[in-house]
PDB file of N, CA and C in Angstrom:
ATOM      1  N   MET A   1       0.645   6.889  -9.674  1.00  0.00           N
ATOM      2  CA  MET A   1       1.123   5.430  -9.704  1.00  0.00           C
ATOM      3  C   MET A   1      -0.145   4.639 -10.064  1.00  0.00           C
ATOM      4  N   ARG A   2      -1.242   4.906  -9.342  1.00  0.00           N
ATOM      5  CA  ARG A   2      -2.453   4.047  -9.600  1.00  0.00           C
ATOM      6  C   ARG A   2      -2.821   4.050 -11.098  1.00  0.00           C
ATOM      7  N   ASP A   3      -2.748   5.255 -11.689  1.00  0.00           N
ATOM      8  CA  ASP A   3      -3.161   5.241 -13.161  1.00  0.00           C
ATOM      9  C   ASP A   3      -2.236   4.419 -14.002  1.00  0.00           C
ATOM     10  N   HIS A   4      -0.910   4.504 -13.758  1.00  0.00           N
ATOM     11  CA  HIS A   4       0.021   3.721 -14.491  1.00  0.00           C
ATOM     12  C   HIS A   4      -0.115   2.230 -14.366  1.00  0.00           C
ATOM     13  N   ILE A   5      -0.385   1.803 -13.054  1.00  0.00           N
ATOM     14  CA  ILE A   5      -0.677   0.415 -12.922  1.00  0.00           C
ATOM     15  C   ILE A   5      -1.860  -0.172 -13.534  1.00  0.00           C
ATOM     16  N   ILE A   6      -2.935   0.673 -13.310  1.00  0.00           N
ATOM     17  CA  ILE A   6      -4.288   0.328 -13.975  1.00  0.00           C
ATOM     18  C   ILE A   6      -4.126   0.299 -15.513  1.00  0.00           C
ATOM     19  N   GLY A   7      -3.453   1.207 -16.027  1.00  0.00           N
ATOM     20  CA  GLY A   7      -3.304   1.272 -17.490  1.00  0.00           C
ATOM     21  C   GLY A   7      -2.483   0.016 -18.033  1.00  0.00           C
ATOM     22  N   ASP A   8      -1.621  -0.484 -17.247  1.00  0.00           N
ATOM     23  CA  ASP A   8      -0.880  -1.673 -17.795  1.00  0.00           C
ATOM     24  C   ASP A   8      -1.817  -2.997 -17.662  1.00  0.00           C
ATOM     25  N   ASP A   9      -2.475  -3.076 -16.550  1.00  0.00           N
ATOM     26  CA  ASP A   9      -3.240  -4.235 -16.317  1.00  0.00           C
ATOM     27  C   ASP A   9      -4.232  -3.935 -15.157  1.00  0.00           C
ATOM     28  N   TYR A  10      -5.525  -3.938 -15.375  1.00  0.00           N
ATOM     29  CA  TYR A  10      -6.468  -3.485 -14.392  1.00  0.00           C
ATOM     30  C   TYR A  10      -6.475  -4.331 -13.114  1.00  0.00           C
ATOM     31  N   GLU A  11      -6.297  -5.614 -13.184  1.00  0.00           N
ATOM     32  CA  GLU A  11      -6.143  -6.605 -12.064  1.00  0.00           C
ATOM     33  C   GLU A  11      -4.923  -6.241 -11.151  1.00  0.00           C
ATOM     34  N   LEU A  12      -3.941  -5.646 -11.654  1.00  0.00           N
ATOM     35  CA  LEU A  12      -2.856  -5.289 -10.893  1.00  0.00           C
ATOM     36  C   LEU A  12      -3.151  -4.402  -9.684  1.00  0.00           C
ATOM     37  N   TRP A  13      -4.065  -3.459  -9.938  1.00  0.00           N
ATOM     38  CA  TRP A  13      -4.351  -2.495  -8.847  1.00  0.00           C
ATOM     39  C   TRP A  13      -5.053  -3.322  -7.660  1.00  0.00           C
ATOM     40  N   ASP A  14      -5.942  -4.293  -8.069  1.00  0.00           N
ATOM     41  CA  ASP A  14      -6.596  -5.096  -7.031  1.00  0.00           C
ATOM     42  C   ASP A  14      -5.524  -5.863  -6.150  1.00  0.00           C
ATOM     43  N   ILE A  15      -4.553  -6.231  -6.878  1.00  0.00           N
ATOM     44  CA  ILE A  15      -3.473  -7.031  -6.183  1.00  0.00           C
ATOM     45  C   ILE A  15      -2.795  -6.083  -5.235  1.00  0.00           C
ATOM     46  N   VAL A  16      -2.565  -4.778  -5.668  1.00  0.00           N
ATOM     47  CA  VAL A  16      -1.812  -3.880  -4.772  1.00  0.00           C
ATOM     48  C   VAL A  16      -2.821  -3.460  -3.529  1.00  0.00           C
ATOM     49  N   THR A  17      -3.946  -3.304  -3.712  1.00  0.00           N
ATOM     50  CA  THR A  17      -4.828  -2.773  -2.589  1.00  0.00           C
ATOM     51  C   THR A  17      -5.359  -3.959  -1.772  1.00  0.00           C
ATOM     52  N   ASP A  18      -5.611  -5.135  -2.422  1.00  0.00           N
ATOM     53  CA  ASP A  18      -6.327  -6.165  -1.770  1.00  0.00           C
ATOM     54  C   ASP A  18      -5.495  -7.494  -1.492  1.00  0.00           C
ATOM     55  N   SER A  19      -4.392  -7.634  -2.199  1.00  0.00           N
ATOM     56  CA  SER A  19      -3.495  -8.609  -2.046  1.00  0.00           C
ATOM     57  C   SER A  19      -4.178 -10.077  -2.215  1.00  0.00           C
ATOM     58  N   PRO A  20      -4.765 -10.391  -3.341  1.00  0.00           N
ATOM     59  CA  PRO A  20      -5.404 -11.669  -3.436  1.00  0.00           C
ATOM     60  C   PRO A  20      -4.286 -12.718  -3.725  1.00  0.00           C
ATOM     61  N   LEU A  21      -3.256 -12.840  -3.004  1.00  0.00           N
ATOM     62  CA  LEU A  21      -2.179 -13.671  -3.194  1.00  0.00           C
ATOM     63  C   LEU A  21      -2.049 -14.952  -2.404  1.00  0.00           C
ATOM     64  N   THR A  22      -3.080 -15.257  -1.659  1.00  0.00           N
ATOM     65  CA  THR A  22      -2.979 -16.309  -0.794  1.00  0.00           C
ATOM     66  C   THR A  22      -3.097 -17.640  -1.542  1.00  0.00           C
ATOM     67  N   THR A  23      -1.939 -18.285  -1.720  1.00  0.00           N
ATOM     68  CA  THR A  23      -1.864 -19.570  -2.305  1.00  0.00           C
ATOM     69  C   THR A  23      -1.588 -20.603  -1.130  1.00  0.00           C
ATOM     70  N   LEU A  24      -2.564 -21.087  -0.610  1.00  0.00           N
ATOM     71  CA  LEU A  24      -2.439 -21.965   0.598  1.00  0.00           C
ATOM     72  C   LEU A  24      -2.778 -23.346   0.426  1.00  0.00           C
ATOM     73  N   LYS A  25      -2.254 -24.277   1.219  1.00  0.00           N
ATOM     74  CA  LYS A  25      -2.647 -25.606   1.202  1.00  0.00           C
ATOM     75  C   LYS A  25      -2.610 -26.231   2.585  1.00  0.00           C
ATOM     76  N   LYS A  26      -3.305 -27.310   2.902  1.00  0.00           N
ATOM     77  CA  LYS A  26      -3.358 -27.831   4.211  1.00  0.00           C
ATOM     78  C   LYS A  26      -2.120 -28.684   4.336  1.00  0.00           C
ATOM     79  N   ASN A  27      -1.453 -28.624   5.576  1.00  0.00           N
ATOM     80  CA  ASN A  27      -0.339 -29.476   5.684  1.00  0.00           C
ATOM     81  C   ASN A  27      -0.834 -30.778   6.418  1.00  0.00           C
ATOM     82  N   THR A  28       0.058 -31.627   6.858  1.00  0.00           N
ATOM     83  CA  THR A  28      -0.358 -32.945   7.510  1.00  0.00           C
ATOM     84  C   THR A  28      -1.067 -32.709   8.818  1.00  0.00           C
ATOM     85  N   LYS A  29      -0.982 -31.660   9.431  1.00  0.00           N
ATOM     86  CA  LYS A  29      -1.777 -31.274  10.719  1.00  0.00           C
ATOM     87  C   LYS A  29      -3.137 -30.568  10.401  1.00  0.00           C
ATOM     88  N   GLY A  30      -3.333 -30.337   9.229  1.00  0.00           N
ATOM     89  CA  GLY A  30      -4.593 -29.580   8.807  1.00  0.00           C
ATOM     90  C   GLY A  30      -4.591 -28.132   8.890  1.00  0.00           C
ATOM     91  N   VAL A  31      -3.363 -27.531   8.971  1.00  0.00           N
ATOM     92  CA  VAL A  31      -3.145 -26.107   9.211  1.00  0.00           C
ATOM     93  C   VAL A  31      -2.876 -25.636   7.784  1.00  0.00           C
ATOM     94  N   ASP A  32      -3.496 -24.396   7.418  1.00  0.00           N
ATOM     95  CA  ASP A  32      -3.130 -23.730   6.098  1.00  0.00           C
ATOM     96  C   ASP A  32      -1.750 -23.207   6.222  1.00  0.00           C
ATOM     97  N   VAL A  33      -1.028 -23.459   5.184  1.00  0.00           N
ATOM     98  CA  VAL A  33       0.410 -23.023   5.024  1.00  0.00           C
ATOM     99  C   VAL A  33       0.658 -22.553   3.614  1.00  0.00           C
ATOM    100  N   LEU A  34       1.505 -21.659   3.332  1.00  0.00           N
ATOM    101  CA  LEU A  34       1.839 -21.191   2.037  1.00  0.00           C
ATOM    102  C   LEU A  34       2.320 -22.270   1.068  1.00  0.00           C
ATOM    103  N   LYS A  35       1.804 -22.387  -0.080  1.00  0.00           N
ATOM    104  CA  LYS A  35       2.244 -23.525  -1.058  1.00  0.00           C
ATOM    105  C   LYS A  35       3.709 -23.134  -1.476  1.00  0.00           C
ATOM    106  N   ILE A  36       4.539 -24.154  -1.699  1.00  0.00           N
ATOM    107  CA  ILE A  36       5.716 -23.899  -2.356  1.00  0.00           C
ATOM    108  C   ILE A  36       5.543 -24.040  -3.886  1.00  0.00           C
ATOM    109  N   ARG A  37       6.494 -23.678  -4.600  1.00  0.00           N
ATOM    110  CA  ARG A  37       6.280 -23.576  -6.115  1.00  0.00           C
ATOM    111  C   ARG A  37       5.880 -25.028  -6.722  1.00  0.00           C
ATOM    112  N   VAL A  38       6.391 -26.104  -6.177  1.00  0.00           N
ATOM    113  CA  VAL A  38       6.091 -27.356  -6.630  1.00  0.00           C
ATOM    114  C   VAL A  38       4.593 -27.773  -6.677  1.00  0.00           C
ATOM    115  N   TYR A  39       3.916 -27.275  -5.623  1.00  0.00           N
ATOM    116  CA  TYR A  39       2.499 -27.582  -5.412  1.00  0.00           C
ATOM    117  C   TYR A  39       1.539 -26.501  -5.957  1.00  0.00           C
ATOM    118  N   CYS A  40       2.093 -25.479  -6.626  1.00  0.00           N
ATOM    119  CA  CYS A  40       1.359 -24.444  -7.240  1.00  0.00           C
ATOM    120  C   CYS A  40       0.638 -24.813  -8.396  1.00  0.00           C
ATOM    121  N   THR A  41      -0.646 -24.423  -8.675  1.00  0.00           N
ATOM    122  CA  THR A  41      -1.339 -24.693  -9.855  1.00  0.00           C
ATOM    123  C   THR A  41      -0.976 -23.387 -10.903  1.00  0.00           C
ATOM    124  N   ALA A  42      -1.545 -23.595 -12.138  1.00  0.00           N
ATOM    125  CA  ALA A  42      -1.250 -22.617 -13.017  1.00  0.00           C
ATOM    126  C   ALA A  42      -1.926 -21.222 -12.620  1.00  0.00           C
ATOM    127  N   LYS A  43      -3.071 -21.409 -11.877  1.00  0.00           N
ATOM    128  CA  LYS A  43      -3.826 -20.087 -11.398  1.00  0.00           C
ATOM    129  C   LYS A  43      -2.921 -19.508 -10.381  1.00  0.00           C
ATOM    130  N   ASP A  44      -2.259 -20.333  -9.456  1.00  0.00           N
ATOM    131  CA  ASP A  44      -1.537 -19.822  -8.420  1.00  0.00           C
ATOM    132  C   ASP A  44      -0.272 -19.087  -8.972  1.00  0.00           C
ATOM    133  N   LEU A  45       0.326 -19.753  -9.943  1.00  0.00           N
ATOM    134  CA  LEU A  45       1.422 -19.098 -10.611  1.00  0.00           C
ATOM    135  C   LEU A  45       1.139 -17.772 -11.298  1.00  0.00           C
ATOM    136  N   LYS A  46      -0.147 -17.636 -11.771  1.00  0.00           N
ATOM    137  CA  LYS A  46      -0.557 -16.434 -12.400  1.00  0.00           C
ATOM    138  C   LYS A  46      -0.780 -15.278 -11.469  1.00  0.00           C
ATOM    139  N   LYS A  47      -1.131 -15.716 -10.221  1.00  0.00           N
ATOM    140  CA  LYS A  47      -1.192 -14.737  -9.116  1.00  0.00           C
ATOM    141  C   LYS A  47       0.167 -14.205  -8.713  1.00  0.00           C
ATOM    142  N   TRP A  48       1.112 -15.169  -8.567  1.00  0.00           N
ATOM    143  CA  TRP A  48       2.535 -14.769  -8.247  1.00  0.00           C
ATOM    144  C   TRP A  48       3.030 -13.843  -9.383  1.00  0.00           C
ATOM    145  N   GLU A  49       2.826 -14.107 -10.639  1.00  0.00           N
ATOM    146  CA  GLU A  49       3.221 -13.368 -11.708  1.00  0.00           C
ATOM    147  C   GLU A  49       2.770 -11.915 -11.688  1.00  0.00           C
ATOM    148  N   LYS A  50       1.452 -11.756 -11.467  1.00  0.00           N
ATOM    149  CA  LYS A  50       0.771 -10.520 -11.412  1.00  0.00           C
ATOM    150  C   LYS A  50       1.276  -9.653 -10.125  1.00  0.00           C
ATOM    151  N   ASN A  51       1.523 -10.411  -9.071  1.00  0.00           N
ATOM    152  CA  ASN A  51       2.124  -9.767  -7.882  1.00  0.00           C
ATOM    153  C   ASN A  51       3.513  -9.203  -8.194  1.00  0.00           C
ATOM    154  N   ALA A  52       4.394  -9.915  -9.008  1.00  0.00           N
ATOM    155  CA  ALA A  52       5.684  -9.541  -9.432  1.00  0.00           C
ATOM    156  C   ALA A  52       5.664  -8.371 -10.235  1.00  0.00           C
ATOM    157  N   LYS A  53       4.609  -8.314 -11.206  1.00  0.00           N
ATOM    158  CA  LYS A  53       4.487  -7.259 -12.142  1.00  0.00           C
ATOM    159  C   LYS A  53       4.075  -5.955 -11.457  1.00  0.00           C
ATOM    160  N   ALA A  54       3.127  -6.043 -10.622  1.00  0.00           N
ATOM    161  CA  ALA A  54       2.662  -4.886  -9.730  1.00  0.00           C
ATOM    162  C   ALA A  54       3.875  -4.434  -8.885  1.00  0.00           C
ATOM    163  N   LYS A  55       4.556  -5.327  -8.275  1.00  0.00           N
ATOM    164  CA  LYS A  55       5.665  -4.958  -7.441  1.00  0.00           C
ATOM    165  C   LYS A  55       6.803  -4.109  -8.205  1.00  0.00           C
ATOM    166  N   LYS A  56       7.061  -4.608  -9.481  1.00  0.00           N
ATOM    167  CA  LYS A  56       7.954  -3.923 -10.360  1.00  0.00           C
ATOM    168  C   LYS A  56       7.477  -2.465 -10.575  1.00  0.00           C
ATOM    169  N   TRP A  57       6.155  -2.250 -10.808  1.00  0.00           N
ATOM    170  CA  TRP A  57       5.646  -0.948 -10.986  1.00  0.00           C
ATOM    171  C   TRP A  57       5.916  -0.094  -9.732  1.00  0.00           C
ATOM    172  N   LEU A  58       5.626  -0.726  -8.672  1.00  0.00           N
ATOM    173  CA  LEU A  58       5.819   0.116  -7.387  1.00  0.00           C
ATOM    174  C   LEU A  58       7.208   0.533  -7.129  1.00  0.00           C
ATOM    175  N   VAL A  59       8.106  -0.400  -7.296  1.00  0.00           N
ATOM    176  CA  VAL A  59       9.520  -0.254  -6.900  1.00  0.00           C
ATOM    177  C   VAL A  59      10.179   0.689  -7.799  1.00  0.00           C
ATOM    178  N   CYS A  60       9.842   0.592  -9.196  1.00  0.00           N
ATOM    179  CA  CYS A  60      10.455   1.579 -10.077  1.00  0.00           C
ATOM    180  C   CYS A  60      10.063   2.920  -9.953  1.00  0.00           C
ATOM    181  N   GLY A  61       8.958   3.297  -9.175  1.00  0.00           N
ATOM    182  CA  GLY A  61       8.650   4.580  -8.985  1.00  0.00           C
ATOM    183  C   GLY A  61       9.102   5.201  -7.657  1.00  0.00           C
ATOM    184  N   LEU A  62       9.922   4.490  -6.923  1.00  0.00           N
ATOM    185  CA  LEU A  62      10.443   4.766  -5.692  1.00  0.00           C
ATOM    186  C   LEU A  62      11.907   5.383  -5.744  1.00  0.00           C
ATOM    187  N   GLY A  63      12.080   6.293  -4.839  1.00  0.00           N
ATOM    188  CA  GLY A  63      13.554   6.753  -4.500  1.00  0.00           C
ATOM    189  C   GLY A  63      14.379   5.935  -3.605  1.00  0.00           C
ATOM    190  N   PRO A  64      15.549   6.144  -3.458  1.00  0.00           N
ATOM    191  CA  PRO A  64      16.370   5.350  -2.579  1.00  0.00           C
ATOM    192  C   PRO A  64      15.878   5.222  -1.094  1.00  0.00           C
ATOM    193  N   ASP A  65      15.209   6.301  -0.522  1.00  0.00           N
ATOM    194  CA  ASP A  65      14.854   6.238   0.789  1.00  0.00           C
ATOM    195  C   ASP A  65      13.702   5.331   1.079  1.00  0.00           C
ATOM    196  N   GLU A  66      12.660   5.545  -0.008  1.00  0.00           N
ATOM    197  CA  GLU A  66      11.608   4.605   0.066  1.00  0.00           C
ATOM    198  C   GLU A  66      11.950   3.111  -0.238  1.00  0.00           C
ATOM    199  N   HIS A  67      12.946   3.042  -1.093  1.00  0.00           N
ATOM    200  CA  HIS A  67      13.304   1.607  -1.491  1.00  0.00           C
ATOM    201  C   HIS A  67      13.852   0.951  -0.277  1.00  0.00           C
ATOM    202  N   ASN A  68      14.562   1.596   0.713  1.00  0.00           N
ATOM    203  CA  ASN A  68      15.086   1.052   1.973  1.00  0.00           C
ATOM    204  C   ASN A  68      13.896   0.690   2.778  1.00  0.00           C
ATOM    205  N   ARG A  69      12.858   1.371   2.862  1.00  0.00           N
ATOM    206  CA  ARG A  69      11.696   1.065   3.616  1.00  0.00           C
ATOM    207  C   ARG A  69      11.025  -0.293   3.294  1.00  0.00           C
ATOM    208  N   ILE A  70      10.975  -0.497   1.942  1.00  0.00           N
ATOM    209  CA  ILE A  70      10.137  -1.624   1.479  1.00  0.00           C
ATOM    210  C   ILE A  70      11.011  -2.854   1.182  1.00  0.00           C
ATOM    211  N   GLN A  71      12.194  -2.938   1.438  1.00  0.00           N
ATOM    212  CA  GLN A  71      13.101  -3.991   1.026  1.00  0.00           C
ATOM    213  C   GLN A  71      12.675  -5.324   1.612  1.00  0.00           C
ATOM    214  N   SER A  72      12.085  -5.360   2.787  1.00  0.00           N
ATOM    215  CA  SER A  72      11.767  -6.675   3.402  1.00  0.00           C
ATOM    216  C   SER A  72      10.263  -7.059   3.067  1.00  0.00           C
ATOM    217  N   CYS A  73       9.473  -6.235   2.301  1.00  0.00           N
ATOM    218  CA  CYS A  73       8.226  -6.551   1.924  1.00  0.00           C
ATOM    219  C   CYS A  73       8.110  -7.576   0.808  1.00  0.00           C
ATOM    220  N   ALA A  74       7.299  -8.578   0.997  1.00  0.00           N
ATOM    221  CA  ALA A  74       7.200  -9.718   0.024  1.00  0.00           C
ATOM    222  C   ALA A  74       6.059  -9.538  -0.970  1.00  0.00           C
ATOM    223  N   THR A  75       5.087  -8.764  -0.547  1.00  0.00           N
ATOM    224  CA  THR A  75       3.966  -8.676  -1.481  1.00  0.00           C
ATOM    225  C   THR A  75       3.629  -7.118  -1.804  1.00  0.00           C
ATOM    226  N   THR A  76       3.035  -6.884  -2.795  1.00  0.00           N
ATOM    227  CA  THR A  76       2.643  -5.486  -3.185  1.00  0.00           C
ATOM    228  C   THR A  76       1.782  -4.850  -2.136  1.00  0.00           C
ATOM    229  N   LYS A  77       0.949  -5.570  -1.598  1.00  0.00           N
ATOM    230  CA  LYS A  77      -0.066  -5.034  -0.529  1.00  0.00           C
ATOM    231  C   LYS A  77       0.943  -4.648   0.575  1.00  0.00           C
ATOM    232  N   GLN A  78       1.822  -5.348   1.043  1.00  0.00           N
ATOM    233  CA  GLN A  78       2.765  -4.826   2.155  1.00  0.00           C
ATOM    234  C   GLN A  78       3.580  -3.615   1.804  1.00  0.00           C
ATOM    235  N   ILE A  79       4.010  -3.575   0.537  1.00  0.00           N
ATOM    236  CA  ILE A  79       4.707  -2.406   0.126  1.00  0.00           C
ATOM    237  C   ILE A  79       3.755  -1.214   0.178  1.00  0.00           C
ATOM    238  N   TRP A  80       2.511  -1.249  -0.441  1.00  0.00           N
ATOM    239  CA  TRP A  80       1.652  -0.179  -0.430  1.00  0.00           C
ATOM    240  C   TRP A  80       1.269   0.333   0.985  1.00  0.00           C
ATOM    241  N   ASP A  81       0.946  -0.643   1.854  1.00  0.00           N
ATOM    242  CA  ASP A  81       0.641  -0.288   3.297  1.00  0.00           C
ATOM    243  C   ASP A  81       1.742   0.389   3.987  1.00  0.00           C
ATOM    244  N   THR A  82       3.164  -0.044   3.695  1.00  0.00           N
ATOM    245  CA  THR A  82       4.163   0.515   4.261  1.00  0.00           C
ATOM    246  C   THR A  82       4.388   1.880   3.767  1.00  0.00           C
ATOM    247  N   LEU A  83       4.137   2.161   2.491  1.00  0.00           N
ATOM    248  CA  LEU A  83       4.338   3.506   1.979  1.00  0.00           C
ATOM    249  C   LEU A  83       3.150   4.428   2.384  1.00  0.00           C
ATOM    250  N   GLN A  84       1.990   3.904   2.603  1.00  0.00           N
ATOM    251  CA  GLN A  84       0.935   4.744   3.011  1.00  0.00           C
ATOM    252  C   GLN A  84       1.084   5.181   4.430  1.00  0.00           C
ATOM    253  N   VAL A  85       1.623   4.406   5.253  1.00  0.00           N
ATOM    254  CA  VAL A  85       1.868   4.724   6.649  1.00  0.00           C
ATOM    255  C   VAL A  85       3.043   5.668   6.775  1.00  0.00           C
ATOM    256  N   ALA A  86       4.011   5.494   5.927  1.00  0.00           N
ATOM    257  CA  ALA A  86       5.127   6.400   5.907  1.00  0.00           C
ATOM    258  C   ALA A  86       4.848   7.837   5.426  1.00  0.00           C
ATOM    259  N   HIS A  87       4.061   7.982   4.498  1.00  0.00           N
ATOM    260  CA  HIS A  87       3.667   9.118   3.900  1.00  0.00           C
ATOM    261  C   HIS A  87       2.344   9.928   4.396  1.00  0.00           C
ATOM    262  N   GLU A  88       1.418   9.046   4.871  1.00  0.00           N
ATOM    263  CA  GLU A  88       0.126   9.658   5.368  1.00  0.00           C
ATOM    264  C   GLU A  88      -0.072   9.456   6.794  1.00  0.00           C
ATOM    265  N   GLY A  89       0.606   8.516   7.419  1.00  0.00           N
ATOM    266  CA  GLY A  89       0.351   8.127   8.742  1.00  0.00           C
ATOM    267  C   GLY A  89      -0.655   7.186   8.931  1.00  0.00           C
ATOM    268  N   THR A  90      -0.813   6.641  10.208  1.00  0.00           N
ATOM    269  CA  THR A  90      -1.754   5.658  10.510  1.00  0.00           C
ATOM    270  C   THR A  90      -3.189   6.490  10.571  1.00  0.00           C
ATOM    271  N   PRO A  91      -4.315   5.729  10.520  1.00  0.00           N
ATOM    272  CA  PRO A  91      -5.624   6.316  10.629  1.00  0.00           C
ATOM    273  C   PRO A  91      -5.721   7.333  11.900  1.00  0.00           C
ATOM    274  N   GLN A  92      -5.136   6.855  12.932  1.00  0.00           N
ATOM    275  CA  GLN A  92      -5.223   7.726  14.223  1.00  0.00           C
ATOM    276  C   GLN A  92      -4.400   9.096  14.019  1.00  0.00           C
ATOM    277  N   VAL A  93      -3.358   9.058  13.326  1.00  0.00           N
ATOM    278  CA  VAL A  93      -2.550  10.263  13.072  1.00  0.00           C
ATOM    279  C   VAL A  93      -3.396  11.137  12.154  1.00  0.00           C
ATOM    280  N   LYS A  94      -3.911  10.524  11.129  1.00  0.00           N
ATOM    281  CA  LYS A  94      -4.716  11.366  10.178  1.00  0.00           C
ATOM    282  C   LYS A  94      -5.957  12.065  10.860  1.00  0.00           C
ATOM    283  N   ARG A  95      -6.620  11.369  11.836  1.00  0.00           N
ATOM    284  CA  ARG A  95      -7.645  11.968  12.578  1.00  0.00           C
ATOM    285  C   ARG A  95      -7.154  13.083  13.412  1.00  0.00           C
ATOM    286  N   SER A  96      -6.005  12.898  13.923  1.00  0.00           N
ATOM    287  CA  SER A  96      -5.489  13.926  14.876  1.00  0.00           C
ATOM    288  C   SER A  96      -5.092  15.156  14.044  1.00  0.00           C
ATOM    289  N   LYS A  97      -4.500  15.034  12.845  1.00  0.00           N
ATOM    290  CA  LYS A  97      -4.128  16.066  11.987  1.00  0.00           C
ATOM    291  C   LYS A  97      -5.388  16.797  11.549  1.00  0.00           C
ATOM    292  N   GLY A  98      -6.490  16.065  11.277  1.00  0.00           N
ATOM    293  CA  GLY A  98      -7.741  16.743  10.875  1.00  0.00           C
ATOM    294  C   GLY A  98      -8.211  17.568  12.015  1.00  0.00           C
ATOM    295  N   THR A  99      -8.291  17.013  13.192  1.00  0.00           N
ATOM    296  CA  THR A  99      -8.736  17.765  14.319  1.00  0.00           C
ATOM    297  C   THR A  99      -7.948  18.936  14.637  1.00  0.00           C
ATOM    298  N   LEU A 100      -6.626  18.890  14.518  1.00  0.00           N
ATOM    299  CA  LEU A 100      -5.786  20.106  14.637  1.00  0.00           C
ATOM    300  C   LEU A 100      -6.039  21.103  13.647  1.00  0.00           C
ATOM    301  N   LEU A 101      -6.133  20.773  12.405  1.00  0.00           N
ATOM    302  CA  LEU A 101      -6.447  21.767  11.325  1.00  0.00           C
ATOM    303  C   LEU A 101      -7.874  22.353  11.518  1.00  0.00           C
ATOM    304  N   TYR A 102      -8.876  21.581  11.946  1.00  0.00           N
ATOM    305  CA  TYR A 102     -10.162  22.152  12.272  1.00  0.00           C
ATOM    306  C   TYR A 102     -10.143  23.100  13.361  1.00  0.00           C
ATOM    307  N   SER A 103      -9.368  22.899  14.462  1.00  0.00           N
ATOM    308  CA  SER A 103      -9.297  23.800  15.545  1.00  0.00           C
ATOM    309  C   SER A 103      -8.526  25.052  15.159  1.00  0.00           C
ATOM    310  N   GLN A 104      -7.519  24.933  14.270  1.00  0.00           N
ATOM    311  CA  GLN A 104      -6.786  26.084  13.844  1.00  0.00           C
ATOM    312  C   GLN A 104      -7.823  27.062  13.013  1.00  0.00           C
ATOM    313  N   TYR A 105      -8.541  26.342  12.121  1.00  0.00           N
ATOM    314  CA  TYR A 105      -9.572  27.023  11.318  1.00  0.00           C
ATOM    315  C   TYR A 105     -10.553  27.894  12.292  1.00  0.00           C
ATOM    316  N   LYS A 106     -11.053  27.129  13.175  1.00  0.00           N
ATOM    317  CA  LYS A 106     -12.063  27.734  14.041  1.00  0.00           C
ATOM    318  C   LYS A 106     -11.506  28.948  14.857  1.00  0.00           C
ATOM    319  N   ASN A 107     -10.204  28.855  15.164  1.00  0.00           N
ATOM    320  CA  ASN A 107      -9.512  29.929  15.913  1.00  0.00           C
ATOM    321  C   ASN A 107      -9.021  31.058  15.015  1.00  0.00           C
ATOM    322  N   PHE A 108      -9.170  30.866  13.719  1.00  0.00           N
ATOM    323  CA  PHE A 108      -8.532  31.925  12.811  1.00  0.00           C
ATOM    324  C   PHE A 108      -9.345  33.163  12.930  1.00  0.00           C
ATOM    325  N   ALA A 109      -8.701  34.291  13.088  1.00  0.00           N
ATOM    326  CA  ALA A 109      -9.306  35.650  13.115  1.00  0.00           C
ATOM    327  C   ALA A 109      -8.431  36.760  12.888  1.00  0.00           C
ATOM    328  N   MET A 110      -8.878  37.836  12.456  1.00  0.00           N
ATOM    329  CA  MET A 110      -7.965  39.009  12.262  1.00  0.00           C
ATOM    330  C   MET A 110      -7.667  39.622  13.656  1.00  0.00           C
ATOM    331  N   LYS A 111      -6.508  40.126  13.760  1.00  0.00           N
ATOM    332  CA  LYS A 111      -6.002  40.866  14.835  1.00  0.00           C
ATOM    333  C   LYS A 111      -6.527  42.160  14.991  1.00  0.00           C
ATOM    334  N   GLU A 112      -6.472  42.878  16.167  1.00  0.00           N
ATOM    335  CA  GLU A 112      -7.054  44.235  16.268  1.00  0.00           C
ATOM    336  C   GLU A 112      -6.153  45.117  15.451  1.00  0.00           C
ATOM    337  N   GLY A 113      -6.830  45.880  14.672  1.00  0.00           N
ATOM    338  CA  GLY A 113      -6.153  46.787  13.718  1.00  0.00           C
ATOM    339  C   GLY A 113      -5.565  46.315  12.323  1.00  0.00           C
ATOM    340  N   GLU A 114      -5.752  44.962  12.185  1.00  0.00           N
ATOM    341  CA  GLU A 114      -5.150  44.329  10.977  1.00  0.00           C
ATOM    342  C   GLU A 114      -6.060  44.515   9.848  1.00  0.00           C
ATOM    343  N   THR A 115      -5.537  44.779   8.649  1.00  0.00           N
ATOM    344  CA  THR A 115      -6.241  44.834   7.421  1.00  0.00           C
ATOM    345  C   THR A 115      -6.169  43.589   6.582  1.00  0.00           C
ATOM    346  N   ILE A 116      -6.906  43.463   5.598  1.00  0.00           N
ATOM    347  CA  ILE A 116      -6.915  42.373   4.691  1.00  0.00           C
ATOM    348  C   ILE A 116      -5.557  42.272   3.927  1.00  0.00           C
ATOM    349  N   GLN A 117      -5.016  43.440   3.569  1.00  0.00           N
ATOM    350  CA  GLN A 117      -3.611  43.448   2.944  1.00  0.00           C
ATOM    351  C   GLN A 117      -2.595  42.977   3.857  1.00  0.00           C
TER     352      GLN A 117
END
């Protein structure tokens, strides 16, 4: 997937992994809120266009089960993170799997009377 997205447009992969989609403005109380389309500049609209393009690449490569997982995601970063957790697990799960595999490796030994065949 990564190679297909990079092959189409190199900046798209940055959007998938880093999500540089923050188009914010200050409201009357001085708090940052997402801009609505009326207040977006050409640069902001370009970011949204690239997000849509990257999202298309990700969604087109998914099956129906994965598609149901990511329906509520608005950005490609959210889609990517959701898919990573679904298929690879959280960092804690990855560490646990690595520890388990390492202990199985350390305990691996031939049984009494067993041959290589």
